[in-house]
Amino acid sequence: MPTPMTVEGAEKLREELAHLRKVVRPRIVKAIGEAREHGDLRENAEYHAAKDQQGLAEARIRLIEARLGDAQIIDIAKIPATGNVVFGATVTLVDLETDGEVRYKIVGEDEADLKEDKISIMSPLARAMIGKSEGDTLVVETPQGRREYEVDTVRHI
């Protein structure tokens, strides 16, 4: 089953993949070559460190390639705005207990970053929001207890 991903998330992964292939991989290959010149590889800490870095970099490259290959990239700007919460939408919620506002963009699991107000489509809050419309209320269980929100705005940005 394809994994949903925003255009922005796919672009960030492509940039990381290009950096790993064009910058990190050649740097590691050079470090391995230089370490080999030091002689006996069994006791060569630089060689083993470079090989470990190579393994980590290659694993990350394979992971990114697999994620991009399996991704269903969704461009929210091309989805007609109906006021309904959908994947990729940026939603402003009003906490009905405190009247405080929060704003989140619903993104794929790999893109979630609370510092950037991006929450995973798999999170309880996102699942509660999907399909709701502006003016609807929703209830979500949080570690602090039940929270009730009203959907204030839904934007396709």
N, C-alpha and C. Protein backbone atom coordinates (compact mmCIF):
# COMPACT_ATOMS: atom_id res chain seq x y z
N MET A 1 0.84 -1.18 0.00
CA MET A 1 0.00 0.00 0.00
C MET A 1 0.89 1.24 0.00
N PRO A 2 0.66 2.17 -0.93
CA PRO A 2 1.48 3.39 -0.98
C PRO A 2 1.34 4.23 0.29
N THR A 3 2.42 4.88 0.63
CA THR A 3 2.45 5.75 1.80
C THR A 3 2.25 7.19 1.33
N PRO A 4 1.29 7.91 1.92
CA PRO A 4 1.08 9.30 1.49
C PRO A 4 2.26 10.19 1.91
N MET A 5 2.59 11.12 1.04
CA MET A 5 3.68 12.06 1.29
C MET A 5 3.36 13.35 0.56
N THR A 6 3.67 14.47 1.19
CA THR A 6 3.45 15.75 0.52
C THR A 6 4.56 16.00 -0.50
N VAL A 7 4.31 16.91 -1.42
CA VAL A 7 5.33 17.30 -2.40
C VAL A 7 6.56 17.82 -1.68
N GLU A 8 6.35 18.63 -0.64
CA GLU A 8 7.45 19.19 0.14
C GLU A 8 8.27 18.09 0.81
N GLY A 9 7.60 17.09 1.37
CA GLY A 9 8.31 15.99 2.02
C GLY A 9 9.12 15.17 1.03
N ALA A 10 8.55 14.92 -0.14
CA ALA A 10 9.27 14.17 -1.17
C ALA A 10 10.49 14.95 -1.64
N GLU A 11 10.36 16.25 -1.78
CA GLU A 11 11.50 17.08 -2.22
C GLU A 11 12.62 17.05 -1.19
N LYS A 12 12.28 17.12 0.09
CA LYS A 12 13.31 17.06 1.14
C LYS A 12 14.06 15.73 1.09
N LEU A 13 13.31 14.63 0.88
CA LEU A 13 13.96 13.33 0.78
C LEU A 13 14.86 13.25 -0.46
N ARG A 14 14.39 13.80 -1.57
CA ARG A 14 15.22 13.80 -2.79
C ARG A 14 16.50 14.59 -2.59
N GLU A 15 16.40 15.73 -1.88
CA GLU A 15 17.59 16.53 -1.59
C GLU A 15 18.57 15.77 -0.71
N GLU A 16 18.04 15.10 0.32
CA GLU A 16 18.91 14.32 1.20
C GLU A 16 19.57 13.18 0.42
N LEU A 17 18.82 12.52 -0.45
CA LEU A 17 19.35 11.43 -1.26
C LEU A 17 20.47 11.93 -2.17
N ALA A 18 20.26 13.06 -2.81
CA ALA A 18 21.29 13.64 -3.69
C ALA A 18 22.54 13.98 -2.88
N HIS A 19 22.38 14.54 -1.69
CA HIS A 19 23.52 14.88 -0.83
C HIS A 19 24.29 13.62 -0.43
N LEU A 20 23.56 12.59 -0.06
CA LEU A 20 24.22 11.34 0.32
C LEU A 20 25.00 10.74 -0.85
N ARG A 21 24.41 10.77 -2.03
CA ARG A 21 25.06 10.17 -3.20
C ARG A 21 26.23 11.01 -3.71
N LYS A 22 26.08 12.34 -3.73
CA LYS A 22 27.07 13.21 -4.37
C LYS A 22 28.13 13.75 -3.42
N VAL A 23 27.84 13.82 -2.13
CA VAL A 23 28.78 14.41 -1.17
C VAL A 23 29.28 13.37 -0.17
N VAL A 24 28.35 12.73 0.52
CA VAL A 24 28.72 11.83 1.61
C VAL A 24 29.41 10.57 1.08
N ARG A 25 28.81 9.92 0.09
CA ARG A 25 29.38 8.68 -0.43
C ARG A 25 30.80 8.88 -0.96
N PRO A 26 31.07 9.89 -1.82
CA PRO A 26 32.45 10.09 -2.28
C PRO A 26 33.43 10.41 -1.14
N ARG A 27 32.98 11.17 -0.15
CA ARG A 27 33.85 11.50 0.98
C ARG A 27 34.23 10.23 1.75
N ILE A 28 33.29 9.33 1.93
CA ILE A 28 33.56 8.08 2.64
C ILE A 28 34.50 7.19 1.82
N VAL A 29 34.26 7.10 0.53
CA VAL A 29 35.14 6.29 -0.34
C VAL A 29 36.57 6.81 -0.26
N LYS A 30 36.72 8.13 -0.27
CA LYS A 30 38.05 8.73 -0.16
C LYS A 30 38.68 8.39 1.20
N ALA A 31 37.89 8.46 2.27
CA ALA A 31 38.41 8.15 3.61
C ALA A 31 38.83 6.68 3.71
N ILE A 32 38.08 5.79 3.08
CA ILE A 32 38.44 4.36 3.09
C ILE A 32 39.75 4.16 2.34
N GLY A 33 39.87 4.83 1.20
CA GLY A 33 41.12 4.72 0.41
C GLY A 33 42.33 5.21 1.18
N GLU A 34 42.18 6.34 1.86
CA GLU A 34 43.28 6.88 2.65
C GLU A 34 43.62 5.96 3.82
N ALA A 35 42.62 5.39 4.44
CA ALA A 35 42.86 4.49 5.58
C ALA A 35 43.56 3.22 5.13
N ARG A 36 43.27 2.75 3.93
CA ARG A 36 43.92 1.54 3.41
C ARG A 36 45.42 1.76 3.24
N GLU A 37 45.78 2.98 2.93
CA GLU A 37 47.20 3.28 2.72
C GLU A 37 48.02 3.18 4.00
N HIS A 38 47.34 3.16 5.15
CA HIS A 38 48.04 3.10 6.44
C HIS A 38 48.49 1.69 6.80
N GLY A 39 48.13 0.72 5.97
CA GLY A 39 48.63 -0.64 6.22
C GLY A 39 47.59 -1.58 6.74
N ASP A 40 48.00 -2.42 7.70
CA ASP A 40 47.20 -3.52 8.25
C ASP A 40 45.79 -3.06 8.60
N LEU A 41 44.79 -3.61 7.89
CA LEU A 41 43.41 -3.18 8.06
C LEU A 41 42.76 -3.73 9.33
N ARG A 42 43.32 -4.82 9.88
CA ARG A 42 42.72 -5.43 11.07
C ARG A 42 42.80 -4.51 12.28
N GLU A 43 43.82 -3.70 12.35
CA GLU A 43 44.01 -2.81 13.50
C GLU A 43 43.95 -1.33 13.10
N ASN A 44 43.24 -1.06 12.05
CA ASN A 44 43.19 0.29 11.50
C ASN A 44 41.84 0.93 11.89
N ALA A 45 41.85 1.75 12.93
CA ALA A 45 40.62 2.36 13.44
C ALA A 45 39.96 3.27 12.41
N GLU A 46 40.76 4.03 11.65
CA GLU A 46 40.20 4.93 10.64
C GLU A 46 39.45 4.15 9.57
N TYR A 47 40.02 3.02 9.16
CA TYR A 47 39.39 2.18 8.15
C TYR A 47 38.04 1.65 8.66
N HIS A 48 38.04 1.12 9.88
CA HIS A 48 36.81 0.56 10.43
C HIS A 48 35.75 1.64 10.65
N ALA A 49 36.16 2.83 11.07
CA ALA A 49 35.22 3.93 11.26
C ALA A 49 34.61 4.34 9.91
N ALA A 50 35.44 4.42 8.89
CA ALA A 50 34.95 4.79 7.56
C ALA A 50 34.01 3.72 7.01
N LYS A 51 34.32 2.45 7.24
CA LYS A 51 33.45 1.37 6.78
C LYS A 51 32.10 1.42 7.52
N ASP A 52 32.13 1.74 8.81
CA ASP A 52 30.88 1.89 9.57
C ASP A 52 30.05 3.04 9.00
N GLN A 53 30.70 4.16 8.70
CA GLN A 53 30.00 5.31 8.11
C GLN A 53 29.41 4.92 6.76
N GLN A 54 30.17 4.15 5.99
CA GLN A 54 29.69 3.71 4.69
C GLN A 54 28.43 2.85 4.83
N GLY A 55 28.44 1.96 5.79
CA GLY A 55 27.28 1.10 6.02
C GLY A 55 26.05 1.92 6.40
N LEU A 56 26.23 2.89 7.27
CA LEU A 56 25.11 3.74 7.69
C LEU A 56 24.58 4.58 6.52
N ALA A 57 25.49 5.14 5.74
CA ALA A 57 25.08 5.97 4.60
C ALA A 57 24.35 5.13 3.56
N GLU A 58 24.87 3.95 3.28
CA GLU A 58 24.22 3.09 2.27
C GLU A 58 22.85 2.62 2.75
N ALA A 59 22.72 2.36 4.05
CA ALA A 59 21.42 1.96 4.60
C ALA A 59 20.42 3.12 4.47
N ARG A 60 20.86 4.33 4.74
CA ARG A 60 19.98 5.50 4.63
C ARG A 60 19.58 5.72 3.17
N ILE A 61 20.51 5.55 2.25
CA ILE A 61 20.21 5.68 0.82
C ILE A 61 19.14 4.68 0.42
N ARG A 62 19.30 3.43 0.83
CA ARG A 62 18.31 2.40 0.49
C ARG A 62 16.95 2.71 1.10
N LEU A 63 16.94 3.21 2.33
CA LEU A 63 15.69 3.55 3.00
C LEU A 63 14.97 4.68 2.26
N ILE A 64 15.70 5.73 1.90
CA ILE A 64 15.09 6.85 1.18
C ILE A 64 14.57 6.41 -0.18
N GLU A 65 15.36 5.60 -0.89
CA GLU A 65 14.92 5.10 -2.20
C GLU A 65 13.63 4.29 -2.07
N ALA A 66 13.56 3.46 -1.03
CA ALA A 66 12.37 2.65 -0.81
C ALA A 66 11.17 3.54 -0.46
N ARG A 67 11.38 4.53 0.38
CA ARG A 67 10.27 5.41 0.78
C ARG A 67 9.76 6.21 -0.41
N LEU A 68 10.67 6.73 -1.23
CA LEU A 68 10.24 7.48 -2.41
C LEU A 68 9.56 6.56 -3.42
N GLY A 69 10.08 5.34 -3.55
CA GLY A 69 9.49 4.39 -4.49
C GLY A 69 8.09 3.95 -4.08
N ASP A 70 7.83 3.96 -2.79
CA ASP A 70 6.55 3.50 -2.26
C ASP A 70 5.58 4.66 -2.00
N ALA A 71 6.03 5.88 -2.21
CA ALA A 71 5.24 7.05 -1.84
C ALA A 71 4.14 7.37 -2.84
N GLN A 72 3.02 7.80 -2.29
CA GLN A 72 1.96 8.40 -3.10
C GLN A 72 2.06 9.89 -2.80
N ILE A 73 2.67 10.63 -3.72
CA ILE A 73 2.93 12.05 -3.50
C ILE A 73 1.67 12.85 -3.82
N ILE A 74 1.23 13.61 -2.83
CA ILE A 74 -0.01 14.36 -2.94
C ILE A 74 0.31 15.85 -2.91
N ASP A 75 -0.13 16.54 -3.95
CA ASP A 75 0.05 17.99 -4.05
C ASP A 75 -1.25 18.65 -3.59
N ILE A 76 -1.25 19.13 -2.36
CA ILE A 76 -2.45 19.71 -1.76
C ILE A 76 -2.96 20.91 -2.56
N ALA A 77 -2.05 21.62 -3.23
CA ALA A 77 -2.45 22.80 -4.01
C ALA A 77 -3.36 22.42 -5.18
N LYS A 78 -3.30 21.15 -5.62
CA LYS A 78 -4.11 20.71 -6.75
C LYS A 78 -5.45 20.11 -6.33
N ILE A 79 -5.68 20.02 -5.01
CA ILE A 79 -6.94 19.48 -4.52
C ILE A 79 -7.88 20.65 -4.25
N PRO A 80 -9.07 20.64 -4.84
CA PRO A 80 -10.00 21.75 -4.63
C PRO A 80 -10.32 21.93 -3.14
N ALA A 81 -10.23 23.16 -2.69
CA ALA A 81 -10.52 23.47 -1.29
C ALA A 81 -12.03 23.43 -1.07
N THR A 82 -12.46 22.55 -0.17
CA THR A 82 -13.89 22.40 0.11
C THR A 82 -14.21 22.78 1.54
N GLY A 83 -13.17 23.07 2.32
CA GLY A 83 -13.38 23.33 3.74
C GLY A 83 -13.29 22.07 4.57
N ASN A 84 -13.13 20.90 3.90
CA ASN A 84 -12.97 19.64 4.60
C ASN A 84 -11.50 19.37 4.86
N VAL A 85 -11.21 18.72 5.98
CA VAL A 85 -9.83 18.37 6.34
C VAL A 85 -9.43 17.13 5.56
N VAL A 86 -8.33 17.27 4.80
CA VAL A 86 -7.78 16.17 4.02
C VAL A 86 -6.27 16.12 4.25
N PHE A 87 -5.64 15.03 3.80
CA PHE A 87 -4.20 14.91 3.90
C PHE A 87 -3.55 16.11 3.21
N GLY A 88 -2.56 16.70 3.87
CA GLY A 88 -1.83 17.83 3.31
C GLY A 88 -2.38 19.19 3.70
N ALA A 89 -3.59 19.21 4.23
CA ALA A 89 -4.21 20.48 4.61
C ALA A 89 -3.55 21.05 5.87
N THR A 90 -3.60 22.37 5.98
CA THR A 90 -3.16 23.06 7.19
C THR A 90 -4.43 23.49 7.92
N VAL A 91 -4.57 23.02 9.15
CA VAL A 91 -5.82 23.18 9.89
C VAL A 91 -5.57 24.00 11.15
N THR A 92 -6.40 25.02 11.36
CA THR A 92 -6.37 25.77 12.60
C THR A 92 -7.52 25.28 13.47
N LEU A 93 -7.17 24.89 14.68
CA LEU A 93 -8.15 24.40 15.65
C LEU A 93 -8.25 25.35 16.81
N VAL A 94 -9.44 25.44 17.40
CA VAL A 94 -9.64 26.21 18.62
C VAL A 94 -9.93 25.21 19.73
N ASP A 95 -9.11 25.29 20.79
CA ASP A 95 -9.32 24.44 21.96
C ASP A 95 -10.55 24.99 22.68
N LEU A 96 -11.60 24.19 22.78
CA LEU A 96 -12.85 24.68 23.35
C LEU A 96 -12.77 24.91 24.85
N GLU A 97 -11.76 24.36 25.50
CA GLU A 97 -11.60 24.58 26.94
C GLU A 97 -10.85 25.87 27.23
N THR A 98 -9.82 26.16 26.44
CA THR A 98 -8.95 27.31 26.72
C THR A 98 -9.12 28.45 25.73
N ASP A 99 -9.84 28.23 24.63
CA ASP A 99 -9.96 29.18 23.52
C ASP A 99 -8.64 29.44 22.81
N GLY A 100 -7.61 28.66 23.12
CA GLY A 100 -6.33 28.78 22.44
C GLY A 100 -6.40 28.17 21.06
N GLU A 101 -5.58 28.72 20.17
CA GLU A 101 -5.54 28.19 18.81
C GLU A 101 -4.25 27.41 18.58
N VAL A 102 -4.38 26.35 17.79
CA VAL A 102 -3.23 25.59 17.33
C VAL A 102 -3.39 25.38 15.83
N ARG A 103 -2.27 25.27 15.16
CA ARG A 103 -2.32 25.07 13.70
C ARG A 103 -1.38 23.94 13.34
N TYR A 104 -1.88 22.99 12.57
CA TYR A 104 -1.08 21.85 12.15
C TYR A 104 -1.27 21.57 10.67
N LYS A 105 -0.21 21.10 10.06
CA LYS A 105 -0.29 20.57 8.70
C LYS A 105 -0.26 19.06 8.81
N ILE A 106 -1.17 18.38 8.14
CA ILE A 106 -1.24 16.92 8.19
C ILE A 106 -0.34 16.36 7.09
N VAL A 107 0.68 15.61 7.50
CA VAL A 107 1.70 15.12 6.58
C VAL A 107 1.90 13.61 6.77
N GLY A 108 2.78 13.05 5.93
CA GLY A 108 3.13 11.64 6.05
C GLY A 108 3.96 11.38 7.29
N GLU A 109 4.06 10.11 7.66
CA GLU A 109 4.77 9.74 8.89
C GLU A 109 6.21 10.23 8.91
N ASP A 110 6.91 10.15 7.78
CA ASP A 110 8.32 10.55 7.73
C ASP A 110 8.51 12.05 7.80
N GLU A 111 7.46 12.81 7.56
CA GLU A 111 7.55 14.26 7.51
C GLU A 111 7.18 14.94 8.82
N ALA A 112 6.55 14.20 9.71
CA ALA A 112 6.03 14.79 10.95
C ALA A 112 7.14 15.47 11.74
N ASP A 113 6.86 16.69 12.20
CA ASP A 113 7.82 17.46 12.99
C ASP A 113 7.04 18.51 13.76
N LEU A 114 6.86 18.26 15.05
CA LEU A 114 6.06 19.19 15.86
C LEU A 114 6.67 20.58 15.93
N LYS A 115 8.00 20.70 15.80
CA LYS A 115 8.64 22.01 15.82
C LYS A 115 8.17 22.85 14.63
N GLU A 116 7.78 22.18 13.55
CA GLU A 116 7.28 22.87 12.36
C GLU A 116 5.76 22.77 12.25
N ASP A 117 5.11 22.34 13.32
CA ASP A 117 3.65 22.19 13.36
C ASP A 117 3.14 21.22 12.29
N LYS A 118 3.89 20.15 12.05
CA LYS A 118 3.49 19.11 11.10
C LYS A 118 3.22 17.84 11.89
N ILE A 119 2.01 17.31 11.73
CA ILE A 119 1.67 16.07 12.44
C ILE A 119 1.39 14.95 11.44
N SER A 120 1.70 13.75 11.86
CA SER A 120 1.53 12.56 11.03
C SER A 120 0.05 12.26 10.82
N ILE A 121 -0.26 11.81 9.62
CA ILE A 121 -1.61 11.37 9.29
C ILE A 121 -2.05 10.24 10.22
N MET A 122 -1.09 9.54 10.82
CA MET A 122 -1.38 8.42 11.70
C MET A 122 -1.61 8.86 13.15
N SER A 123 -1.37 10.12 13.48
CA SER A 123 -1.54 10.58 14.85
C SER A 123 -3.04 10.61 15.22
N PRO A 124 -3.34 10.43 16.49
CA PRO A 124 -4.76 10.48 16.91
C PRO A 124 -5.44 11.80 16.54
N LEU A 125 -4.74 12.91 16.68
CA LEU A 125 -5.34 14.20 16.35
C LEU A 125 -5.65 14.31 14.86
N ALA A 126 -4.71 13.92 14.02
CA ALA A 126 -4.95 13.99 12.57
C ALA A 126 -6.10 13.07 12.17
N ARG A 127 -6.13 11.88 12.74
CA ARG A 127 -7.21 10.94 12.42
C ARG A 127 -8.56 11.52 12.83
N ALA A 128 -8.60 12.23 13.95
CA ALA A 128 -9.85 12.85 14.40
C ALA A 128 -10.26 14.00 13.49
N MET A 129 -9.27 14.67 12.86
CA MET A 129 -9.57 15.83 12.01
C MET A 129 -10.04 15.43 10.61
N ILE A 130 -9.49 14.34 10.06
CA ILE A 130 -9.78 13.97 8.68
C ILE A 130 -11.29 13.86 8.46
N GLY A 131 -11.75 14.53 7.41
CA GLY A 131 -13.16 14.50 7.05
C GLY A 131 -14.01 15.57 7.72
N LYS A 132 -13.46 16.21 8.74
CA LYS A 132 -14.22 17.27 9.41
C LYS A 132 -14.22 18.51 8.52
N SER A 133 -15.18 19.40 8.80
CA SER A 133 -15.31 20.65 8.05
C SER A 133 -15.14 21.83 8.99
N GLU A 134 -14.92 22.99 8.42
CA GLU A 134 -14.84 24.20 9.22
C GLU A 134 -16.12 24.33 10.05
N GLY A 135 -15.96 24.57 11.35
CA GLY A 135 -17.09 24.69 12.26
C GLY A 135 -17.41 23.40 13.01
N ASP A 136 -16.91 22.25 12.52
CA ASP A 136 -17.14 20.98 13.21
C ASP A 136 -16.30 20.90 14.48
N THR A 137 -16.77 20.10 15.42
CA THR A 137 -15.99 19.84 16.62
C THR A 137 -15.47 18.41 16.58
N LEU A 138 -14.38 18.20 17.30
CA LEU A 138 -13.81 16.88 17.38
C LEU A 138 -13.26 16.68 18.78
N VAL A 139 -13.21 15.43 19.19
CA VAL A 139 -12.69 15.06 20.50
C VAL A 139 -11.54 14.11 20.27
N VAL A 140 -10.46 14.35 21.00
CA VAL A 140 -9.29 13.48 20.88
C VAL A 140 -8.76 13.18 22.28
N GLU A 141 -8.35 11.93 22.47
CA GLU A 141 -7.74 11.51 23.73
C GLU A 141 -6.26 11.86 23.69
N THR A 142 -5.78 12.60 24.68
CA THR A 142 -4.36 12.96 24.77
C THR A 142 -3.82 12.43 26.10
N PRO A 143 -2.51 12.43 26.27
CA PRO A 143 -1.96 12.00 27.56
C PRO A 143 -2.48 12.86 28.72
N GLN A 144 -2.89 14.09 28.43
CA GLN A 144 -3.43 14.97 29.46
C GLN A 144 -4.94 14.80 29.64
N GLY A 145 -5.54 13.92 28.88
CA GLY A 145 -6.99 13.69 28.97
C GLY A 145 -7.70 14.06 27.68
N ARG A 146 -9.02 14.03 27.73
CA ARG A 146 -9.84 14.37 26.55
C ARG A 146 -9.75 15.85 26.23
N ARG A 147 -9.55 16.15 24.95
CA ARG A 147 -9.53 17.54 24.49
C ARG A 147 -10.58 17.68 23.39
N GLU A 148 -11.28 18.80 23.44
CA GLU A 148 -12.29 19.07 22.43
C GLU A 148 -11.87 20.31 21.65
N TYR A 149 -11.92 20.18 20.33
CA TYR A 149 -11.51 21.26 19.44
C TYR A 149 -12.62 21.57 18.45
N GLU A 150 -12.58 22.80 17.94
CA GLU A 150 -13.43 23.19 16.82
C GLU A 150 -12.50 23.48 15.65
N VAL A 151 -12.89 22.99 14.47
CA VAL A 151 -12.12 23.27 13.26
C VAL A 151 -12.44 24.70 12.85
N ASP A 152 -11.43 25.56 12.91
CA ASP A 152 -11.62 26.98 12.58
C ASP A 152 -11.42 27.21 11.08
N THR A 153 -10.23 26.86 10.59
CA THR A 153 -9.95 27.05 9.16
C THR A 153 -9.23 25.83 8.60
N VAL A 154 -9.47 25.57 7.33
CA VAL A 154 -8.79 24.51 6.59
C VAL A 154 -8.20 25.16 5.35
N ARG A 155 -6.87 25.09 5.23
CA ARG A 155 -6.20 25.73 4.09
C ARG A 155 -5.40 24.71 3.29
N HIS A 156 -5.35 24.94 2.03
CA HIS A 156 -4.57 24.11 1.11
C HIS A 156 -3.31 24.89 0.72
N ILE A 157 -2.37 24.95 1.63
CA ILE A 157 -1.12 25.69 1.37
C ILE A 157 0.07 24.79 1.49
